[in-house]
Amino acid sequence: MLQVPSHFESDRLVLRKFREQDASDVFNQYAGNPKATKFVSWPTHKTLEDTRNYLKYAIDSWDKGTDHSYAIIEKTSQNLIGGTGFVNEDGKVYLGYILAVSAWGKGYATEATQTLAEWLRQQPEIYRVWAVCDTEHRSSARVLEKSGFVREALITNWCRFPNQENRPKDCFFYVLS
């Protein structure tokens, strides 16, 4: 089984395993905000209990080795500003991220993605790292491209985004080069 660090650091960020006590910050910073969750594959959290349930899932999945989710912490302020992580399916890794609206446009998503991508590249058991984004989510496409991902395909009707009427949407498929 892949030995995954519970903590990463970059110039401005700390990526660390989620904790149950993060629930309020996760809910208030992004999970409960429809603007922040517009392009994710899960519904906006309506209550703090929704976020607690998600964190329980994230922590349990980490312990099982199936899903490795990290809180994104801004070093200077020590504020939780987002989440990132990956799912390893027998050497094929799916990577994702989300940020608080207040953290948009500052390069944090790129920095977090680059940090994980660098580590994933070094793992001999990982042979493919991929991500998808809604074709309308241009800033996410830029994050992936700046982080060393290459657009490999346009996949029609690939994802349902529950915060966009849950209709199938076209997505760009990216792979880490």
N, C-alpha and C. Protein backbone atom coordinates (compact mmCIF):
# COMPACT_ATOMS: atom_id res chain seq x y z
N MET A 1 0.84 -1.19 0.00
CA MET A 1 0.00 0.00 0.00
C MET A 1 0.88 1.25 0.00
N LEU A 2 0.45 2.26 -0.72
CA LEU A 2 1.16 3.52 -0.82
C LEU A 2 1.26 4.19 0.55
N GLN A 3 2.47 4.58 0.94
CA GLN A 3 2.68 5.29 2.20
C GLN A 3 2.55 6.79 1.94
N VAL A 4 1.43 7.35 2.36
CA VAL A 4 1.08 8.73 2.05
C VAL A 4 1.36 9.62 3.25
N PRO A 5 2.13 10.70 3.06
CA PRO A 5 2.37 11.63 4.16
C PRO A 5 1.07 12.30 4.61
N SER A 6 0.96 12.55 5.89
CA SER A 6 -0.22 13.23 6.42
C SER A 6 -0.07 14.75 6.37
N HIS A 7 1.08 15.21 5.86
CA HIS A 7 1.42 16.64 5.93
C HIS A 7 2.38 16.98 4.79
N PHE A 8 2.09 18.06 4.11
CA PHE A 8 3.00 18.63 3.10
C PHE A 8 3.14 20.11 3.39
N GLU A 9 4.27 20.69 3.00
CA GLU A 9 4.45 22.14 3.10
C GLU A 9 4.96 22.67 1.78
N SER A 10 4.48 23.86 1.44
CA SER A 10 5.00 24.60 0.29
C SER A 10 5.38 25.99 0.81
N ASP A 11 5.69 26.90 -0.08
CA ASP A 11 6.11 28.23 0.37
C ASP A 11 5.07 28.91 1.26
N ARG A 12 3.81 28.86 0.84
CA ARG A 12 2.77 29.60 1.57
C ARG A 12 1.72 28.73 2.24
N LEU A 13 1.79 27.42 1.99
CA LEU A 13 0.70 26.55 2.44
C LEU A 13 1.20 25.35 3.24
N VAL A 14 0.31 24.88 4.09
CA VAL A 14 0.45 23.58 4.73
C VAL A 14 -0.74 22.76 4.27
N LEU A 15 -0.48 21.55 3.79
CA LEU A 15 -1.53 20.60 3.47
C LEU A 15 -1.46 19.54 4.56
N ARG A 16 -2.55 19.36 5.28
CA ARG A 16 -2.54 18.37 6.35
C ARG A 16 -3.84 17.57 6.33
N LYS A 17 -3.76 16.38 6.87
CA LYS A 17 -4.92 15.51 6.97
C LYS A 17 -6.03 16.26 7.71
N PHE A 18 -7.26 16.12 7.22
CA PHE A 18 -8.39 16.74 7.90
C PHE A 18 -8.57 16.17 9.31
N ARG A 19 -9.14 17.00 10.17
CA ARG A 19 -9.49 16.60 11.54
C ARG A 19 -10.97 16.89 11.77
N GLU A 20 -11.57 16.18 12.69
CA GLU A 20 -12.99 16.41 13.00
C GLU A 20 -13.24 17.86 13.41
N GLN A 21 -12.30 18.46 14.11
CA GLN A 21 -12.49 19.83 14.59
C GLN A 21 -12.40 20.88 13.47
N ASP A 22 -12.14 20.45 12.24
CA ASP A 22 -12.13 21.37 11.10
C ASP A 22 -13.53 21.67 10.58
N ALA A 23 -14.54 21.00 11.10
CA ALA A 23 -15.89 21.07 10.52
C ALA A 23 -16.39 22.50 10.35
N SER A 24 -16.30 23.31 11.36
CA SER A 24 -16.82 24.67 11.27
C SER A 24 -16.09 25.48 10.20
N ASP A 25 -14.77 25.38 10.16
CA ASP A 25 -14.00 26.11 9.15
C ASP A 25 -14.32 25.62 7.74
N VAL A 26 -14.40 24.31 7.55
CA VAL A 26 -14.71 23.75 6.23
C VAL A 26 -16.08 24.24 5.78
N PHE A 27 -17.06 24.17 6.67
CA PHE A 27 -18.42 24.60 6.32
C PHE A 27 -18.45 26.09 5.98
N ASN A 28 -17.87 26.91 6.85
CA ASN A 28 -17.93 28.36 6.66
C ASN A 28 -17.05 28.86 5.52
N GLN A 29 -15.92 28.22 5.30
CA GLN A 29 -15.00 28.70 4.27
C GLN A 29 -15.40 28.29 2.86
N TYR A 30 -15.93 27.06 2.69
CA TYR A 30 -16.26 26.67 1.32
C TYR A 30 -17.40 25.67 1.18
N ALA A 31 -17.51 24.68 2.02
CA ALA A 31 -18.49 23.60 1.79
C ALA A 31 -19.94 24.09 1.85
N GLY A 32 -20.20 25.14 2.62
CA GLY A 32 -21.54 25.69 2.73
C GLY A 32 -21.80 26.85 1.80
N ASN A 33 -20.86 27.15 0.91
CA ASN A 33 -20.97 28.31 0.03
C ASN A 33 -21.26 27.86 -1.40
N PRO A 34 -22.46 28.16 -1.92
CA PRO A 34 -22.81 27.72 -3.28
C PRO A 34 -21.87 28.24 -4.36
N LYS A 35 -21.31 29.42 -4.16
CA LYS A 35 -20.37 29.95 -5.16
C LYS A 35 -19.09 29.11 -5.18
N ALA A 36 -18.60 28.72 -4.01
CA ALA A 36 -17.37 27.92 -3.94
C ALA A 36 -17.60 26.50 -4.45
N THR A 37 -18.80 25.97 -4.29
CA THR A 37 -19.07 24.56 -4.64
C THR A 37 -19.72 24.39 -6.01
N LYS A 38 -19.81 25.45 -6.78
CA LYS A 38 -20.50 25.36 -8.08
C LYS A 38 -19.95 24.25 -8.97
N PHE A 39 -18.65 24.06 -8.99
CA PHE A 39 -18.02 23.13 -9.93
C PHE A 39 -17.54 21.83 -9.29
N VAL A 40 -18.07 21.46 -8.14
CA VAL A 40 -17.66 20.20 -7.52
C VAL A 40 -18.74 19.14 -7.70
N SER A 41 -18.37 17.90 -7.47
CA SER A 41 -19.27 16.77 -7.74
C SER A 41 -20.16 16.40 -6.56
N TRP A 42 -20.14 17.21 -5.52
CA TRP A 42 -20.98 16.95 -4.35
C TRP A 42 -21.83 18.19 -4.05
N PRO A 43 -22.99 17.98 -3.42
CA PRO A 43 -23.87 19.12 -3.15
C PRO A 43 -23.32 20.05 -2.07
N THR A 44 -23.64 21.32 -2.21
CA THR A 44 -23.30 22.30 -1.17
C THR A 44 -23.87 21.81 0.15
N HIS A 45 -23.07 21.89 1.20
CA HIS A 45 -23.54 21.46 2.51
C HIS A 45 -24.57 22.46 3.03
N LYS A 46 -25.67 21.93 3.51
CA LYS A 46 -26.75 22.78 4.05
C LYS A 46 -26.55 23.05 5.54
N THR A 47 -25.93 22.10 6.22
CA THR A 47 -25.76 22.22 7.67
C THR A 47 -24.34 21.83 8.07
N LEU A 48 -23.98 22.22 9.26
CA LEU A 48 -22.69 21.83 9.82
C LEU A 48 -22.61 20.31 9.96
N GLU A 49 -23.75 19.68 10.20
CA GLU A 49 -23.77 18.21 10.30
C GLU A 49 -23.36 17.55 8.98
N ASP A 50 -23.76 18.15 7.84
CA ASP A 50 -23.32 17.64 6.54
C ASP A 50 -21.79 17.62 6.47
N THR A 51 -21.18 18.69 6.95
CA THR A 51 -19.72 18.80 6.91
C THR A 51 -19.08 17.81 7.88
N ARG A 52 -19.67 17.65 9.05
CA ARG A 52 -19.15 16.65 10.00
C ARG A 52 -19.18 15.26 9.38
N ASN A 53 -20.27 14.94 8.69
CA ASN A 53 -20.38 13.63 8.04
C ASN A 53 -19.32 13.46 6.95
N TYR A 54 -19.10 14.53 6.18
CA TYR A 54 -18.05 14.47 5.15
C TYR A 54 -16.68 14.22 5.79
N LEU A 55 -16.37 14.95 6.86
CA LEU A 55 -15.06 14.79 7.49
C LEU A 55 -14.90 13.39 8.08
N LYS A 56 -15.96 12.83 8.63
CA LYS A 56 -15.90 11.45 9.12
C LYS A 56 -15.56 10.52 7.96
N TYR A 57 -16.23 10.71 6.82
CA TYR A 57 -15.93 9.91 5.63
C TYR A 57 -14.46 10.10 5.21
N ALA A 58 -14.01 11.35 5.16
CA ALA A 58 -12.64 11.64 4.71
C ALA A 58 -11.61 10.98 5.63
N ILE A 59 -11.83 11.07 6.92
CA ILE A 59 -10.89 10.48 7.88
C ILE A 59 -10.93 8.96 7.79
N ASP A 60 -12.12 8.38 7.73
CA ASP A 60 -12.25 6.91 7.60
C ASP A 60 -11.62 6.42 6.31
N SER A 61 -11.84 7.14 5.21
CA SER A 61 -11.28 6.74 3.91
C SER A 61 -9.76 6.80 3.93
N TRP A 62 -9.23 7.82 4.59
CA TRP A 62 -7.77 7.92 4.73
C TRP A 62 -7.25 6.68 5.45
N ASP A 63 -7.89 6.35 6.57
CA ASP A 63 -7.45 5.21 7.37
C ASP A 63 -7.52 3.90 6.59
N LYS A 64 -8.46 3.80 5.65
CA LYS A 64 -8.59 2.61 4.80
C LYS A 64 -7.63 2.65 3.61
N GLY A 65 -7.03 3.82 3.37
CA GLY A 65 -6.09 3.96 2.26
C GLY A 65 -6.73 4.20 0.91
N THR A 66 -8.00 4.59 0.90
CA THR A 66 -8.70 4.76 -0.38
C THR A 66 -8.79 6.20 -0.86
N ASP A 67 -8.76 7.15 0.04
CA ASP A 67 -8.95 8.56 -0.31
C ASP A 67 -8.09 9.37 0.65
N HIS A 68 -7.28 10.27 0.11
CA HIS A 68 -6.39 11.07 0.94
C HIS A 68 -6.71 12.54 0.74
N SER A 69 -7.49 13.08 1.68
CA SER A 69 -7.94 14.47 1.60
C SER A 69 -7.16 15.32 2.60
N TYR A 70 -6.83 16.52 2.17
CA TYR A 70 -6.04 17.44 2.97
C TYR A 70 -6.75 18.77 3.14
N ALA A 71 -6.64 19.34 4.33
CA ALA A 71 -7.02 20.73 4.55
C ALA A 71 -5.89 21.58 3.99
N ILE A 72 -6.25 22.66 3.32
CA ILE A 72 -5.25 23.63 2.84
C ILE A 72 -5.23 24.77 3.85
N ILE A 73 -4.08 24.96 4.47
CA ILE A 73 -3.90 25.98 5.50
C ILE A 73 -2.93 27.03 4.98
N GLU A 74 -3.34 28.29 5.06
CA GLU A 74 -2.46 29.39 4.69
C GLU A 74 -1.50 29.61 5.86
N LYS A 75 -0.20 29.51 5.60
CA LYS A 75 0.80 29.53 6.67
C LYS A 75 0.76 30.78 7.53
N THR A 76 0.73 31.94 6.89
CA THR A 76 0.85 33.18 7.64
C THR A 76 -0.30 33.37 8.62
N SER A 77 -1.52 33.17 8.15
CA SER A 77 -2.70 33.39 8.99
C SER A 77 -3.12 32.15 9.77
N GLN A 78 -2.66 30.97 9.34
CA GLN A 78 -3.08 29.68 9.88
C GLN A 78 -4.56 29.38 9.62
N ASN A 79 -5.15 30.09 8.65
CA ASN A 79 -6.55 29.86 8.29
C ASN A 79 -6.69 28.69 7.34
N LEU A 80 -7.74 27.90 7.54
CA LEU A 80 -8.10 26.85 6.60
C LEU A 80 -8.78 27.54 5.43
N ILE A 81 -8.22 27.38 4.22
CA ILE A 81 -8.74 28.09 3.05
C ILE A 81 -9.26 27.17 1.96
N GLY A 82 -9.17 25.86 2.18
CA GLY A 82 -9.65 24.95 1.14
C GLY A 82 -9.34 23.51 1.45
N GLY A 83 -9.55 22.69 0.44
CA GLY A 83 -9.27 21.27 0.55
C GLY A 83 -8.72 20.74 -0.75
N THR A 84 -7.91 19.71 -0.66
CA THR A 84 -7.37 19.05 -1.84
C THR A 84 -7.15 17.59 -1.49
N GLY A 85 -6.82 16.81 -2.47
CA GLY A 85 -6.55 15.42 -2.18
C GLY A 85 -6.61 14.55 -3.41
N PHE A 86 -6.48 13.25 -3.18
CA PHE A 86 -6.47 12.32 -4.30
C PHE A 86 -7.01 10.97 -3.88
N VAL A 87 -7.50 10.26 -4.86
CA VAL A 87 -7.96 8.89 -4.71
C VAL A 87 -7.05 8.02 -5.55
N ASN A 88 -6.48 7.00 -4.94
CA ASN A 88 -5.59 6.08 -5.65
C ASN A 88 -6.36 4.80 -5.97
N GLU A 89 -6.53 4.54 -7.24
CA GLU A 89 -7.20 3.32 -7.69
C GLU A 89 -6.16 2.43 -8.37
N ASP A 90 -5.39 1.72 -7.56
CA ASP A 90 -4.40 0.77 -8.06
C ASP A 90 -3.40 1.40 -9.02
N GLY A 91 -2.87 2.55 -8.63
CA GLY A 91 -1.85 3.22 -9.44
C GLY A 91 -2.36 4.33 -10.33
N LYS A 92 -3.67 4.41 -10.49
CA LYS A 92 -4.30 5.53 -11.22
C LYS A 92 -4.86 6.47 -10.16
N VAL A 93 -4.41 7.70 -10.18
CA VAL A 93 -4.76 8.66 -9.14
C VAL A 93 -5.60 9.78 -9.71
N TYR A 94 -6.74 10.02 -9.06
CA TYR A 94 -7.62 11.15 -9.39
C TYR A 94 -7.37 12.24 -8.37
N LEU A 95 -7.11 13.46 -8.83
CA LEU A 95 -6.78 14.58 -7.95
C LEU A 95 -7.84 15.66 -8.06
N GLY A 96 -8.14 16.32 -6.94
CA GLY A 96 -9.11 17.42 -6.94
C GLY A 96 -8.77 18.47 -5.90
N TYR A 97 -9.49 19.58 -5.94
CA TYR A 97 -9.25 20.69 -5.02
C TYR A 97 -10.46 21.62 -5.00
N ILE A 98 -10.55 22.39 -3.92
CA ILE A 98 -11.57 23.43 -3.78
C ILE A 98 -10.99 24.50 -2.85
N LEU A 99 -11.33 25.75 -3.12
CA LEU A 99 -10.88 26.85 -2.28
C LEU A 99 -12.05 27.70 -1.82
N ALA A 100 -11.86 28.35 -0.67
CA ALA A 100 -12.77 29.39 -0.22
C ALA A 100 -12.75 30.51 -1.26
N VAL A 101 -13.88 31.14 -1.47
CA VAL A 101 -13.96 32.23 -2.44
C VAL A 101 -12.94 33.32 -2.11
N SER A 102 -12.74 33.59 -0.83
CA SER A 102 -11.79 34.63 -0.41
C SER A 102 -10.34 34.30 -0.79
N ALA A 103 -10.07 33.04 -1.12
CA ALA A 103 -8.71 32.61 -1.49
C ALA A 103 -8.51 32.51 -3.00
N TRP A 104 -9.54 32.78 -3.77
CA TRP A 104 -9.44 32.68 -5.23
C TRP A 104 -8.48 33.74 -5.78
N GLY A 105 -7.83 33.40 -6.87
CA GLY A 105 -7.01 34.36 -7.61
C GLY A 105 -5.66 34.66 -6.98
N LYS A 106 -5.24 33.89 -6.01
CA LYS A 106 -3.98 34.14 -5.32
C LYS A 106 -2.93 33.06 -5.57
N GLY A 107 -3.26 32.11 -6.43
CA GLY A 107 -2.31 31.05 -6.75
C GLY A 107 -2.28 29.89 -5.76
N TYR A 108 -3.18 29.88 -4.79
CA TYR A 108 -3.17 28.82 -3.78
C TYR A 108 -3.53 27.46 -4.37
N ALA A 109 -4.52 27.40 -5.24
CA ALA A 109 -4.90 26.11 -5.83
C ALA A 109 -3.74 25.54 -6.64
N THR A 110 -3.07 26.39 -7.39
CA THR A 110 -1.92 25.94 -8.17
C THR A 110 -0.81 25.45 -7.25
N GLU A 111 -0.53 26.19 -6.20
CA GLU A 111 0.53 25.80 -5.27
C GLU A 111 0.22 24.46 -4.59
N ALA A 112 -1.01 24.28 -4.16
CA ALA A 112 -1.40 23.01 -3.53
C ALA A 112 -1.32 21.86 -4.53
N THR A 113 -1.81 22.10 -5.74
CA THR A 113 -1.81 21.05 -6.77
C THR A 113 -0.38 20.69 -7.17
N GLN A 114 0.47 21.69 -7.33
CA GLN A 114 1.87 21.42 -7.66
C GLN A 114 2.55 20.61 -6.56
N THR A 115 2.24 20.91 -5.32
CA THR A 115 2.84 20.20 -4.19
C THR A 115 2.48 18.72 -4.23
N LEU A 116 1.20 18.42 -4.41
CA LEU A 116 0.79 17.01 -4.49
C LEU A 116 1.34 16.35 -5.75
N ALA A 117 1.30 17.07 -6.87
CA ALA A 117 1.77 16.50 -8.14
C ALA A 117 3.25 16.12 -8.06
N GLU A 118 4.06 16.97 -7.45
CA GLU A 118 5.49 16.66 -7.31
C GLU A 118 5.70 15.37 -6.54
N TRP A 119 4.96 15.20 -5.46
CA TRP A 119 5.10 13.99 -4.66
C TRP A 119 4.59 12.76 -5.43
N LEU A 120 3.45 12.90 -6.07
CA LEU A 120 2.87 11.77 -6.82
C LEU A 120 3.80 11.31 -7.94
N ARG A 121 4.46 12.26 -8.60
CA ARG A 121 5.41 11.91 -9.68
C ARG A 121 6.53 10.99 -9.19
N GLN A 122 6.90 11.14 -7.94
CA GLN A 122 8.03 10.39 -7.39
C GLN A 122 7.66 8.99 -6.91
N GLN A 123 6.38 8.65 -6.94
CA GLN A 123 5.94 7.35 -6.43
C GLN A 123 5.95 6.31 -7.55
N PRO A 124 6.81 5.30 -7.45
CA PRO A 124 6.91 4.32 -8.55
C PRO A 124 5.63 3.54 -8.81
N GLU A 125 4.79 3.38 -7.79
CA GLU A 125 3.56 2.62 -7.99
C GLU A 125 2.44 3.43 -8.65
N ILE A 126 2.65 4.74 -8.79
CA ILE A 126 1.67 5.60 -9.45
C ILE A 126 2.07 5.74 -10.91
N TYR A 127 1.20 5.33 -11.82
CA TYR A 127 1.54 5.43 -13.23
C TYR A 127 0.66 6.42 -13.99
N ARG A 128 -0.38 6.93 -13.35
CA ARG A 128 -1.25 7.90 -14.04
C ARG A 128 -1.90 8.78 -12.99
N VAL A 129 -1.80 10.09 -13.18
CA VAL A 129 -2.47 11.06 -12.32
C VAL A 129 -3.37 11.88 -13.23
N TRP A 130 -4.65 11.96 -12.87
CA TRP A 130 -5.61 12.64 -13.74
C TRP A 130 -6.54 13.53 -12.94
N ALA A 131 -7.17 14.44 -13.65
CA ALA A 131 -8.16 15.34 -13.07
C ALA A 131 -9.14 15.73 -14.17
N VAL A 132 -10.32 16.12 -13.77
CA VAL A 132 -11.30 16.63 -14.73
C VAL A 132 -11.80 17.98 -14.23
N CYS A 133 -12.24 18.79 -15.18
CA CYS A 133 -12.90 20.04 -14.80
C CYS A 133 -13.97 20.37 -15.83
N ASP A 134 -15.01 21.00 -15.37
CA ASP A 134 -16.08 21.49 -16.23
C ASP A 134 -15.45 22.39 -17.29
N THR A 135 -15.89 22.26 -18.52
CA THR A 135 -15.31 23.07 -19.60
C THR A 135 -15.54 24.57 -19.37
N GLU A 136 -16.52 24.91 -18.56
CA GLU A 136 -16.79 26.32 -18.26
C GLU A 136 -15.91 26.86 -17.13
N HIS A 137 -15.20 25.99 -16.45
CA HIS A 137 -14.40 26.40 -15.29
C HIS A 137 -12.96 26.68 -15.72
N ARG A 138 -12.79 27.79 -16.39
CA ARG A 138 -11.50 28.14 -16.99
C ARG A 138 -10.38 28.30 -15.96
N SER A 139 -10.71 28.83 -14.79
CA SER A 139 -9.64 29.00 -13.79
C SER A 139 -9.13 27.65 -13.30
N SER A 140 -9.99 26.66 -13.19
CA SER A 140 -9.53 25.33 -12.79
C SER A 140 -8.65 24.71 -13.88
N ALA A 141 -9.02 24.91 -15.13
CA ALA A 141 -8.19 24.41 -16.24
C ALA A 141 -6.80 25.05 -16.17
N ARG A 142 -6.74 26.35 -15.87
CA ARG A 142 -5.45 27.03 -15.76
C ARG A 142 -4.62 26.47 -14.60
N VAL A 143 -5.28 26.19 -13.47
CA VAL A 143 -4.57 25.59 -12.33
C VAL A 143 -3.90 24.30 -12.76
N LEU A 144 -4.65 23.44 -13.43
CA LEU A 144 -4.10 22.16 -13.86
C LEU A 144 -2.94 22.34 -14.83
N GLU A 145 -3.11 23.23 -15.79
CA GLU A 145 -2.06 23.45 -16.78
C GLU A 145 -0.79 24.01 -16.14
N LYS A 146 -0.94 24.94 -15.20
CA LYS A 146 0.23 25.50 -14.51
C LYS A 146 0.90 24.46 -13.61
N SER A 147 0.16 23.43 -13.26
CA SER A 147 0.68 22.39 -12.36
C SER A 147 1.27 21.20 -13.10
N GLY A 148 1.39 21.31 -14.42
CA GLY A 148 2.02 20.25 -15.19
C GLY A 148 1.07 19.24 -15.81
N PHE A 149 -0.22 19.52 -15.77
CA PHE A 149 -1.20 18.64 -16.40
C PHE A 149 -1.41 19.06 -17.85
N VAL A 150 -1.71 18.09 -18.68
CA VAL A 150 -1.96 18.32 -20.10
C VAL A 150 -3.37 17.86 -20.40
N ARG A 151 -4.10 18.69 -21.15
CA ARG A 151 -5.45 18.32 -21.55
C ARG A 151 -5.36 17.18 -22.56
N GLU A 152 -5.96 16.07 -22.21
CA GLU A 152 -5.91 14.90 -23.07
C GLU A 152 -7.20 14.70 -23.86
N ALA A 153 -8.32 15.16 -23.32
CA ALA A 153 -9.59 14.90 -24.01
C ALA A 153 -10.68 15.85 -23.54
N LEU A 154 -11.66 15.97 -24.40
CA LEU A 154 -12.94 16.58 -24.04
C LEU A 154 -13.91 15.42 -23.93
N ILE A 155 -14.51 15.27 -22.77
CA ILE A 155 -15.44 14.16 -22.54
C ILE A 155 -16.85 14.76 -22.44
N THR A 156 -17.72 14.37 -23.36
CA THR A 156 -19.07 14.93 -23.36
C THR A 156 -19.94 14.23 -22.33
N ASN A 157 -20.81 15.04 -21.72
CA ASN A 157 -21.75 14.53 -20.71
C ASN A 157 -21.06 13.64 -19.67
N TRP A 158 -19.93 14.10 -19.14
CA TRP A 158 -19.11 13.28 -18.25
C TRP A 158 -19.53 13.35 -16.79
N CYS A 159 -19.77 14.55 -16.28
CA CYS A 159 -20.05 14.72 -14.85
C CYS A 159 -21.39 15.41 -14.63
N ARG A 160 -22.01 15.03 -13.55
CA ARG A 160 -23.17 15.77 -13.06
C ARG A 160 -22.67 16.66 -11.92
N PHE A 161 -23.00 17.91 -12.00
CA PHE A 161 -22.64 18.85 -10.95
C PHE A 161 -23.92 19.22 -10.20
N PRO A 162 -24.11 18.70 -8.99
CA PRO A 162 -25.38 18.91 -8.28
C PRO A 162 -25.68 20.38 -8.01
N ASN A 163 -24.68 21.23 -8.05
CA ASN A 163 -24.89 22.65 -7.79
C ASN A 163 -25.12 23.43 -9.09
N GLN A 164 -25.27 22.70 -10.19
CA GLN A 164 -25.61 23.28 -11.50
C GLN A 164 -26.76 22.46 -12.10
N GLU A 165 -27.82 22.32 -11.37
CA GLU A 165 -29.03 21.63 -11.82
C GLU A 165 -28.82 20.14 -12.03
N ASN A 166 -27.69 19.60 -11.64
CA ASN A 166 -27.38 18.17 -11.71
C ASN A 166 -27.50 17.58 -13.11
N ARG A 167 -27.34 18.41 -14.10
CA ARG A 167 -27.40 17.90 -15.48
C ARG A 167 -26.00 17.48 -15.94
N PRO A 168 -25.90 16.50 -16.84
CA PRO A 168 -24.59 16.09 -17.33
C PRO A 168 -23.89 17.25 -18.05
N LYS A 169 -22.61 17.39 -17.77
CA LYS A 169 -21.83 18.48 -18.36
C LYS A 169 -20.59 17.90 -19.04
N ASP A 170 -20.11 18.64 -20.03
CA ASP A 170 -18.86 18.30 -20.68
C ASP A 170 -17.70 18.67 -19.76
N CYS A 171 -16.66 17.86 -19.79
CA CYS A 171 -15.49 18.09 -18.96
C CYS A 171 -14.22 17.92 -19.78
N PHE A 172 -13.20 18.64 -19.37
CA PHE A 172 -11.87 18.41 -19.89
C PHE A 172 -11.20 17.35 -19.01
N PHE A 173 -10.51 16.42 -19.65
CA PHE A 173 -9.77 15.37 -18.96
C PHE A 173 -8.30 15.72 -19.05
N TYR A 174 -7.66 15.86 -17.90
CA TYR A 174 -6.25 16.23 -17.82
C TYR A 174 -5.43 15.10 -17.22
N VAL A 175 -4.19 14.97 -17.69
CA VAL A 175 -3.25 14.01 -17.11
C VAL A 175 -1.95 14.73 -16.76
N LEU A 176 -1.33 14.28 -15.70
CA LEU A 176 -0.05 14.85 -15.29
C LEU A 176 1.03 14.36 -16.24
N SER A 177 1.75 15.32 -16.82
CA SER A 177 2.78 14.93 -17.80
C SER A 177 4.13 14.73 -17.13
